[in-house]
PDB file of N, CA and C in Angstrom:
ATOM      1  N   MET A   1      -5.920  30.737  92.844  1.00  0.00           N
ATOM      2  CA  MET A   1      -5.244  29.708  92.088  1.00  0.00           C
ATOM      3  C   MET A   1      -3.859  29.466  92.698  1.00  0.00           C
ATOM      4  N   GLN A   2      -3.502  28.206  92.743  1.00  0.00           N
ATOM      5  CA  GLN A   2      -2.252  27.838  93.381  1.00  0.00           C
ATOM      6  C   GLN A   2      -1.164  27.597  92.319  1.00  0.00           C
ATOM      7  N   LYS A   3       0.024  28.100  92.560  1.00  0.00           N
ATOM      8  CA  LYS A   3       1.132  27.927  91.620  1.00  0.00           C
ATOM      9  C   LYS A   3       1.915  26.666  92.005  1.00  0.00           C
ATOM     10  N   ARG A   4       2.137  25.818  90.993  1.00  0.00           N
ATOM     11  CA  ARG A   4       2.897  24.590  91.250  1.00  0.00           C
ATOM     12  C   ARG A   4       4.344  24.774  90.809  1.00  0.00           C
ATOM     13  N   GLU A   5       5.222  24.265  91.582  1.00  0.00           N
ATOM     14  CA  GLU A   5       6.628  24.320  91.220  1.00  0.00           C
ATOM     15  C   GLU A   5       7.131  22.892  91.006  1.00  0.00           C
ATOM     16  N   TYR A   6       7.819  22.717  89.885  1.00  0.00           N
ATOM     17  CA  TYR A   6       8.358  21.401  89.536  1.00  0.00           C
ATOM     18  C   TYR A   6       9.870  21.457  89.589  1.00  0.00           C
ATOM     19  N   ARG A   7      10.433  20.355  90.026  1.00  0.00           N
ATOM     20  CA  ARG A   7      11.887  20.272  90.048  1.00  0.00           C
ATOM     21  C   ARG A   7      12.339  19.771  88.676  1.00  0.00           C
ATOM     22  N   THR A   8      13.248  20.479  88.056  1.00  0.00           N
ATOM     23  CA  THR A   8      13.760  20.056  86.762  1.00  0.00           C
ATOM     24  C   THR A   8      15.175  19.530  86.934  1.00  0.00           C
ATOM     25  N   THR A   9      15.529  18.629  86.050  1.00  0.00           N
ATOM     26  CA  THR A   9      16.880  18.071  86.077  1.00  0.00           C
ATOM     27  C   THR A   9      17.813  19.029  85.350  1.00  0.00           C
ATOM     28  N   SER A  10      18.889  19.314  85.966  1.00  0.00           N
ATOM     29  CA  SER A  10      19.872  20.198  85.366  1.00  0.00           C
ATOM     30  C   SER A  10      20.573  19.477  84.223  1.00  0.00           C
ATOM     31  N   ARG A  11      20.897  20.210  83.182  1.00  0.00           N
ATOM     32  CA  ARG A  11      21.610  19.604  82.049  1.00  0.00           C
ATOM     33  C   ARG A  11      23.000  19.156  82.485  1.00  0.00           C
ATOM     34  N   ASN A  12      23.568  19.856  83.409  1.00  0.00           N
ATOM     35  CA  ASN A  12      24.907  19.497  83.872  1.00  0.00           C
ATOM     36  C   ASN A  12      24.937  18.130  84.532  1.00  0.00           C
ATOM     37  N   GLU A  13      23.840  17.680  85.094  1.00  0.00           N
ATOM     38  CA  GLU A  13      23.794  16.356  85.717  1.00  0.00           C
ATOM     39  C   GLU A  13      23.720  15.245  84.680  1.00  0.00           C
ATOM     40  N   ILE A  14      23.175  15.517  83.517  1.00  0.00           N
ATOM     41  CA  ILE A  14      22.984  14.505  82.479  1.00  0.00           C
ATOM     42  C   ILE A  14      24.230  14.352  81.609  1.00  0.00           C
ATOM     43  N   LEU A  15      24.966  15.415  81.402  1.00  0.00           N
ATOM     44  CA  LEU A  15      26.115  15.379  80.489  1.00  0.00           C
ATOM     45  C   LEU A  15      27.152  14.306  80.831  1.00  0.00           C
ATOM     46  N   PRO A  16      27.510  14.091  82.063  1.00  0.00           N
ATOM     47  CA  PRO A  16      28.482  13.012  82.340  1.00  0.00           C
ATOM     48  C   PRO A  16      27.966  11.632  81.938  1.00  0.00           C
ATOM     49  N   PHE A  17      26.683  11.379  82.105  1.00  0.00           N
ATOM     50  CA  PHE A  17      26.119  10.086  81.700  1.00  0.00           C
ATOM     51  C   PHE A  17      26.167   9.914  80.184  1.00  0.00           C
ATOM     52  N   ILE A  18      25.884  10.990  79.477  1.00  0.00           N
ATOM     53  CA  ILE A  18      25.955  10.935  78.011  1.00  0.00           C
ATOM     54  C   ILE A  18      27.399  10.694  77.576  1.00  0.00           C
ATOM     55  N   ALA A  19      28.345  11.392  78.202  1.00  0.00           N
ATOM     56  CA  ALA A  19      29.755  11.231  77.847  1.00  0.00           C
ATOM     57  C   ALA A  19      30.227   9.798  78.111  1.00  0.00           C
ATOM     58  N   VAL A  20      29.851   9.234  79.230  1.00  0.00           N
ATOM     59  CA  VAL A  20      30.246   7.859  79.559  1.00  0.00           C
ATOM     60  C   VAL A  20      29.624   6.886  78.558  1.00  0.00           C
ATOM     61  N   GLY A  21      28.386   7.114  78.184  1.00  0.00           N
ATOM     62  CA  GLY A  21      27.730   6.246  77.205  1.00  0.00           C
ATOM     63  C   GLY A  21      28.411   6.296  75.848  1.00  0.00           C
ATOM     64  N   VAL A  22      28.735   7.495  75.388  1.00  0.00           N
ATOM     65  CA  VAL A  22      29.415   7.643  74.087  1.00  0.00           C
ATOM     66  C   VAL A  22      30.802   7.010  74.156  1.00  0.00           C
ATOM     67  N   LEU A  23      31.510   7.252  75.231  1.00  0.00           N
ATOM     68  CA  LEU A  23      32.845   6.674  75.383  1.00  0.00           C
ATOM     69  C   LEU A  23      32.781   5.145  75.423  1.00  0.00           C
ATOM     70  N   GLY A  24      31.808   4.617  76.132  1.00  0.00           N
ATOM     71  CA  GLY A  24      31.653   3.163  76.199  1.00  0.00           C
ATOM     72  C   GLY A  24      31.332   2.557  74.839  1.00  0.00           C
ATOM     73  N   ALA A  25      30.416   3.190  74.115  1.00  0.00           N
ATOM     74  CA  ALA A  25      30.052   2.685  72.789  1.00  0.00           C
ATOM     75  C   ALA A  25      31.245   2.749  71.836  1.00  0.00           C
ATOM     76  N   THR A  26      32.004   3.817  71.901  1.00  0.00           N
ATOM     77  CA  THR A  26      33.181   3.958  71.047  1.00  0.00           C
ATOM     78  C   THR A  26      34.226   2.900  71.379  1.00  0.00           C
ATOM     79  N   THR A  27      34.419   2.642  72.652  1.00  0.00           N
ATOM     80  CA  THR A  27      35.391   1.637  73.074  1.00  0.00           C
ATOM     81  C   THR A  27      34.996   0.247  72.586  1.00  0.00           C
ATOM     82  N   VAL A  28      33.742  -0.098  72.732  1.00  0.00           N
ATOM     83  CA  VAL A  28      33.268  -1.413  72.281  1.00  0.00           C
ATOM     84  C   VAL A  28      33.415  -1.544  70.774  1.00  0.00           C
ATOM     85  N   TYR A  29      33.028  -0.509  70.036  1.00  0.00           N
ATOM     86  CA  TYR A  29      33.130  -0.547  68.575  1.00  0.00           C
ATOM     87  C   TYR A  29      34.584  -0.693  68.144  1.00  0.00           C
ATOM     88  N   THR A  30      35.486   0.072  68.765  1.00  0.00           N
ATOM     89  CA  THR A  30      36.900   0.017  68.408  1.00  0.00           C
ATOM     90  C   THR A  30      37.478  -1.366  68.704  1.00  0.00           C
ATOM     91  N   TYR A  31      37.147  -1.924  69.852  1.00  0.00           N
ATOM     92  CA  TYR A  31      37.638  -3.253  70.223  1.00  0.00           C
ATOM     93  C   TYR A  31      37.177  -4.299  69.214  1.00  0.00           C
ATOM     94  N   ARG A  32      35.904  -4.249  68.865  1.00  0.00           N
ATOM     95  CA  ARG A  32      35.373  -5.229  67.895  1.00  0.00           C
ATOM     96  C   ARG A  32      36.005  -5.049  66.524  1.00  0.00           C
ATOM     97  N   ALA A  33      36.216  -3.806  66.117  1.00  0.00           N
ATOM     98  CA  ALA A  33      36.837  -3.550  64.815  1.00  0.00           C
ATOM     99  C   ALA A  33      38.268  -4.072  64.791  1.00  0.00           C
ATOM    100  N   LEU A  34      39.021  -3.851  65.853  1.00  0.00           N
ATOM    101  CA  LEU A  34      40.397  -4.346  65.913  1.00  0.00           C
ATOM    102  C   LEU A  34      40.445  -5.869  65.913  1.00  0.00           C
ATOM    103  N   GLU A  35      39.531  -6.509  66.621  1.00  0.00           N
ATOM    104  CA  GLU A  35      39.468  -7.973  66.606  1.00  0.00           C
ATOM    105  C   GLU A  35      39.180  -8.495  65.204  1.00  0.00           C
ATOM    106  N   GLN A  36      38.242  -7.851  64.508  1.00  0.00           N
ATOM    107  CA  GLN A  36      37.899  -8.274  63.152  1.00  0.00           C
ATOM    108  C   GLN A  36      39.081  -8.089  62.205  1.00  0.00           C
ATOM    109  N   MET A  37      39.822  -6.995  62.355  1.00  0.00           N
ATOM    110  CA  MET A  37      40.999  -6.773  61.512  1.00  0.00           C
ATOM    111  C   MET A  37      42.054  -7.845  61.759  1.00  0.00           C
ATOM    112  N   ASP A  38      42.247  -8.237  63.019  1.00  0.00           N
ATOM    113  CA  ASP A  38      43.192  -9.313  63.318  1.00  0.00           C
ATOM    114  C   ASP A  38      42.769 -10.620  62.656  1.00  0.00           C
ATOM    115  N   LYS A  39      41.489 -10.935  62.710  1.00  0.00           N
ATOM    116  CA  LYS A  39      40.989 -12.155  62.067  1.00  0.00           C
ATOM    117  C   LYS A  39      41.201 -12.092  60.555  1.00  0.00           C
ATOM    118  N   ASP A  40      40.927 -10.924  59.968  1.00  0.00           N
ATOM    119  CA  ASP A  40      41.101 -10.766  58.529  1.00  0.00           C
ATOM    120  C   ASP A  40      42.560 -10.951  58.123  1.00  0.00           C
ATOM    121  N   TRP A  41      43.490 -10.380  58.905  1.00  0.00           N
ATOM    122  CA  TRP A  41      44.905 -10.551  58.591  1.00  0.00           C
ATOM    123  C   TRP A  41      45.323 -12.003  58.736  1.00  0.00           C
ATOM    124  N   ASP A  42      44.843 -12.675  59.757  1.00  0.00           N
ATOM    125  CA  ASP A  42      45.169 -14.089  59.929  1.00  0.00           C
ATOM    126  C   ASP A  42      44.675 -14.909  58.740  1.00  0.00           C
ATOM    127  N   GLU A  43      43.446 -14.650  58.312  1.00  0.00           N
ATOM    128  CA  GLU A  43      42.905 -15.354  57.150  1.00  0.00           C
ATOM    129  C   GLU A  43      43.719 -15.048  55.906  1.00  0.00           C
ATOM    130  N   TYR A  44      44.125 -13.787  55.735  1.00  0.00           N
ATOM    131  CA  TYR A  44      44.920 -13.386  54.573  1.00  0.00           C
ATOM    132  C   TYR A  44      46.238 -14.156  54.546  1.00  0.00           C
ATOM    133  N   TYR A  45      46.945 -14.187  55.691  1.00  0.00           N
ATOM    134  CA  TYR A  45      48.231 -14.877  55.724  1.00  0.00           C
ATOM    135  C   TYR A  45      48.066 -16.379  55.535  1.00  0.00           C
ATOM    136  N   ASP A  46      46.979 -16.941  56.018  1.00  0.00           N
ATOM    137  CA  ASP A  46      46.720 -18.363  55.777  1.00  0.00           C
ATOM    138  C   ASP A  46      46.514 -18.621  54.282  1.00  0.00           C
ATOM    139  N   LYS A  47      45.768 -17.744  53.621  1.00  0.00           N
ATOM    140  CA  LYS A  47      45.524 -17.905  52.182  1.00  0.00           C
ATOM    141  C   LYS A  47      46.803 -17.699  51.378  1.00  0.00           C
ATOM    142  N   VAL A  48      47.642 -16.741  51.794  1.00  0.00           N
ATOM    143  CA  VAL A  48      48.918 -16.533  51.102  1.00  0.00           C
ATOM    144  C   VAL A  48      49.810 -17.755  51.262  1.00  0.00           C
ATOM    145  N   ALA A  49      49.856 -18.317  52.463  1.00  0.00           N
ATOM    146  CA  ALA A  49      50.666 -19.526  52.694  1.00  0.00           C
ATOM    147  C   ALA A  49      50.152 -20.688  51.847  1.00  0.00           C
ATOM    148  N   GLU A  50      48.846 -20.822  51.760  1.00  0.00           N
ATOM    149  CA  GLU A  50      48.249 -21.879  50.937  1.00  0.00           C
ATOM    150  C   GLU A  50      48.590 -21.660  49.459  1.00  0.00           C
ATOM    151  N   TYR A  51      48.540 -20.418  49.009  1.00  0.00           N
ATOM    152  CA  TYR A  51      48.865 -20.081  47.624  1.00  0.00           C
ATOM    153  C   TYR A  51      50.340 -20.384  47.331  1.00  0.00           C
ATOM    154  N   LYS A  52      51.216 -20.016  48.278  1.00  0.00           N
ATOM    155  CA  LYS A  52      52.650 -20.298  48.113  1.00  0.00           C
ATOM    156  C   LYS A  52      52.888 -21.798  48.012  1.00  0.00           C
ATOM    157  N   ALA A  53      52.191 -22.572  48.858  1.00  0.00           N
ATOM    158  CA  ALA A  53      52.372 -24.021  48.853  1.00  0.00           C
ATOM    159  C   ALA A  53      51.916 -24.631  47.529  1.00  0.00           C
ATOM    160  N   LYS A  54      50.849 -24.123  46.969  1.00  0.00           N
ATOM    161  CA  LYS A  54      50.325 -24.679  45.712  1.00  0.00           C
ATOM    162  C   LYS A  54      51.166 -24.273  44.512  1.00  0.00           C
ATOM    163  N   THR A  55      51.557 -22.988  44.453  1.00  0.00           N
ATOM    164  CA  THR A  55      52.192 -22.473  43.245  1.00  0.00           C
ATOM    165  C   THR A  55      53.686 -22.250  43.381  1.00  0.00           C
ATOM    166  N   GLY A  56      54.182 -22.085  44.593  1.00  0.00           N
ATOM    167  CA  GLY A  56      55.595 -21.778  44.783  1.00  0.00           C
ATOM    168  C   GLY A  56      55.915 -20.315  44.531  1.00  0.00           C
ATOM    169  N   ILE A  57      54.897 -19.501  44.333  1.00  0.00           N
ATOM    170  CA  ILE A  57      55.078 -18.072  44.069  1.00  0.00           C
ATOM    171  C   ILE A  57      54.699 -17.291  45.315  1.00  0.00           C
ATOM    172  N   ASP A  58      55.551 -16.341  45.670  1.00  0.00           N
ATOM    173  CA  ASP A  58      55.263 -15.471  46.813  1.00  0.00           C
ATOM    174  C   ASP A  58      54.693 -14.158  46.265  1.00  0.00           C
ATOM    175  N   PRO A  59      53.373 -13.951  46.370  1.00  0.00           N
ATOM    176  CA  PRO A  59      52.764 -12.754  45.783  1.00  0.00           C
ATOM    177  C   PRO A  59      53.250 -11.459  46.421  1.00  0.00           C
ATOM    178  N   GLU A  60      53.661 -11.496  47.674  1.00  0.00           N
ATOM    179  CA  GLU A  60      54.144 -10.287  48.323  1.00  0.00           C
ATOM    180  C   GLU A  60      55.488  -9.859  47.745  1.00  0.00           C
ATOM    181  N   LYS A  61      56.364 -10.805  47.483  1.00  0.00           N
ATOM    182  CA  LYS A  61      57.663 -10.476  46.878  1.00  0.00           C
ATOM    183  C   LYS A  61      57.477 -10.054  45.426  1.00  0.00           C
ATOM    184  N   GLU A  62      56.597 -10.733  44.722  1.00  0.00           N
ATOM    185  CA  GLU A  62      56.327 -10.384  43.333  1.00  0.00           C
ATOM    186  C   GLU A  62      55.785  -8.965  43.236  1.00  0.00           C
ATOM    187  N   HIS A  63      54.905  -8.618  44.138  1.00  0.00           N
ATOM    188  CA  HIS A  63      54.303  -7.288  44.122  1.00  0.00           C
ATOM    189  C   HIS A  63      55.354  -6.216  44.364  1.00  0.00           C
ATOM    190  N   SER A  64      56.232  -6.446  45.326  1.00  0.00           N
ATOM    191  CA  SER A  64      57.247  -5.443  45.628  1.00  0.00           C
ATOM    192  C   SER A  64      58.227  -5.305  44.472  1.00  0.00           C
ATOM    193  N   THR A  65      58.545  -6.401  43.790  1.00  0.00           N
ATOM    194  CA  THR A  65      59.436  -6.347  42.634  1.00  0.00           C
ATOM    195  C   THR A  65      58.797  -5.550  41.509  1.00  0.00           C
ATOM    196  N   VAL A  66      57.531  -5.794  41.264  1.00  0.00           N
ATOM    197  CA  VAL A  66      56.814  -5.067  40.212  1.00  0.00           C
ATOM    198  C   VAL A  66      56.731  -3.582  40.570  1.00  0.00           C
ATOM    199  N   SER A  67      56.479  -3.283  41.816  1.00  0.00           N
ATOM    200  CA  SER A  67      56.395  -1.886  42.252  1.00  0.00           C
ATOM    201  C   SER A  67      57.727  -1.177  42.045  1.00  0.00           C
ATOM    202  N   LYS A  68      58.825  -1.853  42.375  1.00  0.00           N
ATOM    203  CA  LYS A  68      60.148  -1.259  42.180  1.00  0.00           C
ATOM    204  C   LYS A  68      60.409  -0.995  40.706  1.00  0.00           C
ATOM    205  N   GLN A  69      60.009  -1.932  39.848  1.00  0.00           N
ATOM    206  CA  GLN A  69      60.210  -1.745  38.415  1.00  0.00           C
ATOM    207  C   GLN A  69      59.409  -0.563  37.904  1.00  0.00           C
ATOM    208  N   ILE A  70      58.193  -0.418  38.382  1.00  0.00           N
ATOM    209  CA  ILE A  70      57.355   0.708  37.965  1.00  0.00           C
ATOM    210  C   ILE A  70      57.966   2.023  38.436  1.00  0.00           C
ATOM    211  N   ASP A  71      58.439   2.051  39.679  1.00  0.00           N
ATOM    212  CA  ASP A  71      59.069   3.259  40.213  1.00  0.00           C
ATOM    213  C   ASP A  71      60.323   3.625  39.419  1.00  0.00           C
ATOM    214  N   GLU A  72      61.125   2.610  39.050  1.00  0.00           N
ATOM    215  CA  GLU A  72      62.332   2.867  38.271  1.00  0.00           C
ATOM    216  C   GLU A  72      61.981   3.445  36.908  1.00  0.00           C
ATOM    217  N   LYS A  73      60.923   2.932  36.277  1.00  0.00           N
ATOM    218  CA  LYS A  73      60.511   3.450  34.973  1.00  0.00           C
ATOM    219  C   LYS A  73      60.055   4.899  35.089  1.00  0.00           C
ATOM    220  N   LYS A  74      59.327   5.216  36.165  1.00  0.00           N
ATOM    221  CA  LYS A  74      58.874   6.590  36.373  1.00  0.00           C
ATOM    222  C   LYS A  74      60.058   7.528  36.548  1.00  0.00           C
ATOM    223  N   GLU A  75      61.068   7.107  37.303  1.00  0.00           N
ATOM    224  CA  GLU A  75      62.247   7.938  37.517  1.00  0.00           C
ATOM    225  C   GLU A  75      63.033   8.101  36.221  1.00  0.00           C
ATOM    226  N   ASP A  76      63.118   7.038  35.402  1.00  0.00           N
ATOM    227  CA  ASP A  76      63.791   7.145  34.117  1.00  0.00           C
ATOM    228  C   ASP A  76      63.089   8.146  33.206  1.00  0.00           C
ATOM    229  N   ASN A  77      61.756   8.108  33.240  1.00  0.00           N
ATOM    230  CA  ASN A  77      60.986   9.040  32.413  1.00  0.00           C
ATOM    231  C   ASN A  77      61.155  10.480  32.883  1.00  0.00           C
ATOM    232  N   LYS A  78      61.286  10.680  34.186  1.00  0.00           N
ATOM    233  CA  LYS A  78      61.475  12.036  34.730  1.00  0.00           C
ATOM    234  C   LYS A  78      62.837  12.592  34.337  1.00  0.00           C
ATOM    235  N   SER A  79      63.866  11.735  34.368  1.00  0.00           N
ATOM    236  CA  SER A  79      65.206  12.200  34.064  1.00  0.00           C
ATOM    237  C   SER A  79      65.411  12.427  32.565  1.00  0.00           C
ATOM    238  N   SER A  80      64.574  11.822  31.742  1.00  0.00           N
ATOM    239  CA  SER A  80      64.714  11.969  30.286  1.00  0.00           C
ATOM    240  C   SER A  80      64.183  13.274  29.778  1.00  0.00           C
TER     241      SER A  80
END
């Protein structure tokens, strides 16, 4: 009976390809996510500008004023 010998691929040869694939996929996903976030922020600021034009109210300033008032009340309660 004759013994056959097969050449096997070393795991060390495959690991760099796997690493490059994972790195590439991560890079593409991150790039797309950042682009989508930029679009979302642009849409948000457009909607805020439209809201300001219609109502004359700046929701960002109103929110910060309300937050400051809440913080002041919390500090007053702590000191009491």
